[in-house]
Protein backbone atom coordinates (compact mmCIF):
# COMPACT_ATOMS: atom_id res chain seq x y z
CA MET A 1 195.95 172.27 136.95
CA ILE A 2 196.77 175.82 135.92
CA VAL A 3 194.87 178.49 137.83
CA ILE A 4 194.24 181.78 136.04
CA GLY A 5 193.48 184.88 138.09
CA VAL A 6 191.45 187.54 136.29
CA VAL A 7 192.09 191.06 137.62
CA GLY A 8 191.23 194.63 136.67
CA ASP A 9 189.59 197.80 137.89
CA ILE A 10 186.09 197.86 139.38
CA ALA A 11 183.58 197.06 136.59
CA SER A 12 186.35 196.51 134.03
CA GLY A 13 184.80 193.31 132.69
CA LYS A 14 186.46 190.67 134.91
CA THR A 15 183.25 188.74 135.39
CA TYR A 16 182.39 188.96 131.71
CA VAL A 17 185.84 187.60 130.79
CA SER A 18 185.34 184.82 133.34
CA GLN A 19 181.99 184.00 131.73
CA VAL A 20 183.71 183.70 128.35
CA PHE A 21 186.14 181.19 129.90
CA GLU A 22 183.14 179.37 131.38
CA SER A 23 181.42 179.26 127.97
CA LEU A 24 184.57 177.57 126.64
CA GLY A 25 184.18 174.81 129.26
CA TYR A 26 186.44 176.05 132.07
CA ARG A 27 185.38 176.18 135.73
CA VAL A 28 185.21 179.64 137.34
CA PHE A 29 185.39 180.63 140.99
CA ASN A 30 183.45 183.90 141.31
CA ALA A 31 184.17 185.46 144.69
CA ASP A 32 181.40 188.05 144.36
CA LYS A 33 178.81 185.28 143.98
CA ILE A 34 180.28 183.51 147.01
CA VAL A 35 180.09 186.68 149.10
CA HIS A 36 176.46 187.27 148.11
CA ALA A 37 175.67 183.66 149.03
CA ILE A 38 177.32 184.20 152.43
CA TYR A 39 175.12 187.25 153.07
CA ARG A 40 172.06 185.30 151.89
CA ASN A 41 172.65 182.00 153.68
CA ASN A 42 175.23 182.21 156.47
CA ASN A 43 173.34 183.18 159.64
CA ARG A 44 176.48 182.92 161.78
CA ILE A 45 178.37 185.47 159.64
CA ASN A 46 175.35 187.78 159.41
CA LEU A 47 175.02 187.72 163.19
CA LYS A 48 178.73 188.42 163.61
CA ILE A 49 178.55 191.41 161.23
CA SER A 50 175.37 192.63 162.91
CA LYS A 51 176.98 192.60 166.34
CA LEU A 52 180.24 194.19 165.18
CA PHE A 53 178.60 197.07 163.30
CA LYS A 54 175.36 197.29 165.32
CA LEU A 55 173.20 196.61 162.25
CA LYS A 56 169.70 195.18 162.39
CA LEU A 57 169.06 191.77 160.94
CA TYR A 58 166.06 191.20 158.68
CA LYS A 59 165.03 187.53 158.66
CA LYS A 60 168.53 186.69 159.97
CA ARG A 61 170.17 188.63 157.11
CA ILE A 62 172.13 191.83 156.86
CA ASN A 63 170.52 194.57 154.79
CA LEU A 64 173.21 195.13 152.14
CA LYS A 65 172.23 198.78 151.64
CA ASP A 66 172.86 199.39 155.35
CA LEU A 67 176.22 197.64 155.07
CA VAL A 68 177.22 199.63 151.97
CA ASN A 69 176.27 202.90 153.68
CA LEU A 70 178.41 201.88 156.65
CA ILE A 71 181.55 201.08 154.64
CA ILE A 72 181.18 204.10 152.34
CA ASN A 73 181.93 206.24 155.37
CA SER A 74 184.77 204.19 156.80
CA LYS A 75 187.77 202.44 155.26
CA ILE A 76 188.46 200.85 158.66
CA LYS A 77 184.99 199.28 158.77
CA LEU A 78 185.56 197.82 155.32
CA GLN A 79 188.83 196.30 156.57
CA LEU A 80 187.01 194.78 159.54
CA LEU A 81 184.32 193.41 157.24
CA ASN A 82 186.99 191.86 154.99
CA LYS A 83 188.50 190.12 158.03
CA ILE A 84 185.17 188.38 158.53
CA ILE A 85 184.34 187.65 154.90
CA HIS A 86 187.73 186.72 153.40
CA PRO A 87 188.26 183.57 155.54
CA GLU A 88 184.81 182.34 154.48
CA VAL A 89 185.65 182.97 150.81
CA LYS A 90 188.99 181.19 151.27
CA LYS A 91 187.22 178.08 152.62
CA LYS A 92 185.04 177.97 149.51
CA LEU A 93 188.08 178.58 147.28
CA LEU A 94 189.97 175.64 148.80
CA ILE A 95 186.96 173.39 148.17
CA PHE A 96 186.78 174.67 144.56
CA ILE A 97 190.48 173.98 143.96
CA LYS A 98 190.28 170.48 145.47
CA LYS A 99 187.15 169.65 143.46
CA ASN A 100 188.74 170.83 140.17
CA LYS A 101 192.35 169.69 140.65
CA LYS A 102 192.19 167.39 137.60
CA LYS A 103 191.03 170.15 135.24
CA LYS A 104 193.57 171.68 132.82
CA LEU A 105 192.57 175.26 133.61
CA THR A 106 190.43 176.94 136.23
CA ILE A 107 189.63 180.63 136.57
CA LEU A 108 189.59 182.84 139.67
CA ASP A 109 187.40 185.94 139.50
CA ILE A 110 188.38 187.50 142.82
CA PRO A 111 188.39 191.27 143.38
CA LEU A 112 191.60 192.27 145.14
CA LEU A 113 193.28 189.02 144.09
CA LEU A 114 196.66 190.75 143.76
CA GLU A 115 196.19 192.88 146.86
CA THR A 116 195.38 189.97 149.21
CA ASN A 117 196.73 186.56 150.13
CA PHE A 118 194.48 185.05 147.43
CA LYS A 119 197.22 185.71 144.83
CA VAL A 120 199.10 182.61 146.03
CA PHE A 121 196.41 180.46 144.42
CA ALA A 122 196.92 181.86 140.89
CA ASP A 123 199.60 180.56 138.53
CA VAL A 124 198.84 183.05 135.76
CA ILE A 125 197.40 186.58 136.01
CA ILE A 126 195.34 188.25 133.29
CA PHE A 127 194.67 191.97 133.59
CA ILE A 128 191.54 193.39 131.94
CA ASP A 129 192.50 196.79 130.55
CA THR A 130 189.46 199.03 130.12
CA LYS A 131 189.43 202.68 129.08
CA LYS A 132 188.39 205.15 131.79
CA ASN A 133 185.32 206.31 129.81
CA ASP A 134 184.18 202.69 129.44
CA LEU A 135 184.71 202.08 133.17
CA ILE A 136 182.46 205.02 134.01
CA LYS A 137 179.83 203.77 131.54
CA PHE A 138 179.98 200.19 132.92
CA ARG A 139 179.69 201.44 136.52
CA LYS A 140 176.65 203.57 135.66
CA LYS A 141 175.03 200.66 133.83
CA ARG A 142 175.52 198.42 136.87
CA LYS A 143 174.36 201.25 139.19
CA ILE A 144 177.51 201.08 141.31
CA ASP A 145 177.57 203.90 143.84
CA THR A 146 180.48 206.23 143.01
CA ARG A 147 181.12 206.72 146.74
CA LEU A 148 181.53 202.97 147.13
CA VAL A 149 183.93 202.87 144.17
CA GLU A 150 186.05 205.58 145.83
CA VAL A 151 186.30 203.55 149.06
CA LEU A 152 187.00 200.26 147.28
CA GLU A 153 189.65 201.81 145.02
CA LYS A 154 191.69 202.70 148.11
CA PHE A 155 192.34 198.97 148.50
CA HIS A 156 193.31 198.40 144.86
CA PHE A 157 196.81 198.62 143.47
CA ASP A 158 197.33 201.24 140.80
CA LYS A 159 196.53 200.08 137.26
CA VAL A 160 200.22 200.32 136.28
CA VAL A 161 201.21 198.04 139.17
CA LYS A 162 198.52 195.51 138.28
CA LYS A 163 199.71 195.45 134.67
CA GLU A 164 203.31 194.86 135.81
CA MET A 165 202.17 191.96 138.02
CA SER A 166 200.19 190.35 135.17
CA ASP A 167 201.30 187.73 132.68
CA PHE A 168 198.75 188.81 130.05
CA ILE A 169 196.76 191.95 129.33
CA ILE A 170 193.38 191.81 127.62
CA ARG A 171 192.07 194.97 125.99
CA ASN A 172 188.36 195.25 126.74
CA SER A 173 187.26 197.13 123.64
CA ASN A 174 184.82 194.89 121.78
CA LEU A 175 183.31 191.46 122.24
CA LYS A 176 184.81 189.72 119.23
CA PHE A 177 188.34 190.99 119.95
CA LEU A 178 187.97 190.08 123.64
CA LYS A 179 187.05 186.48 122.80
CA SER A 180 189.93 186.11 120.34
CA GLN A 181 192.38 187.40 122.98
CA ILE A 182 191.09 184.86 125.50
CA LYS A 183 191.45 181.99 123.03
CA THR A 184 195.02 183.09 122.20
CA ILE A 185 195.90 183.19 125.91
CA ILE A 186 194.43 179.71 126.48
CA ASP A 187 196.44 178.33 123.54
CA THR A 188 199.63 179.98 124.85
CA ILE A 189 199.13 178.66 128.40
CA LEU A 190 198.28 175.13 127.32
CA LEU A 191 201.20 174.99 124.86
CA ASP A 192 203.60 176.10 127.59
CA ASP A 193 202.28 173.47 129.99
């Protein structure tokens, strides 16, 4: 099995690219979906976060707006939160890899893949290169708080570094071109295998 890690800036189109892979029949591990499921369903983790940050629980769940407001004001609190969440994501990732070990390709859509110990799970890295104006537009469309982006970007490698660490770069300019780039990368990877 070849594991492809999809990386890029915040709201660069990583999840969209992963969905294109999925539409072509490949399995995708989406860390954001896993994290949201943890907040929705994992009472133990919610309680742990609640106690650490002195946040109220609502029906045994953390209010995500309260959590976002907390980490916007503190890089250290975000680091502490990651220490709780990342091990839970890793457990799910190991299950995903085991379950899909006979597949030719699988995709990892994990923010901070390169910046964390998750990079050891990827054989190939694809960087999604998106113009700054498009990033701003995508972030507004998704209603991502600019203050949150500023805090999260402190944990990201610079775009130049990410490109250097990547095996392929996809230009996120238009849908048709994006899909053709993905198909070319798949053909290249599978031919090299």
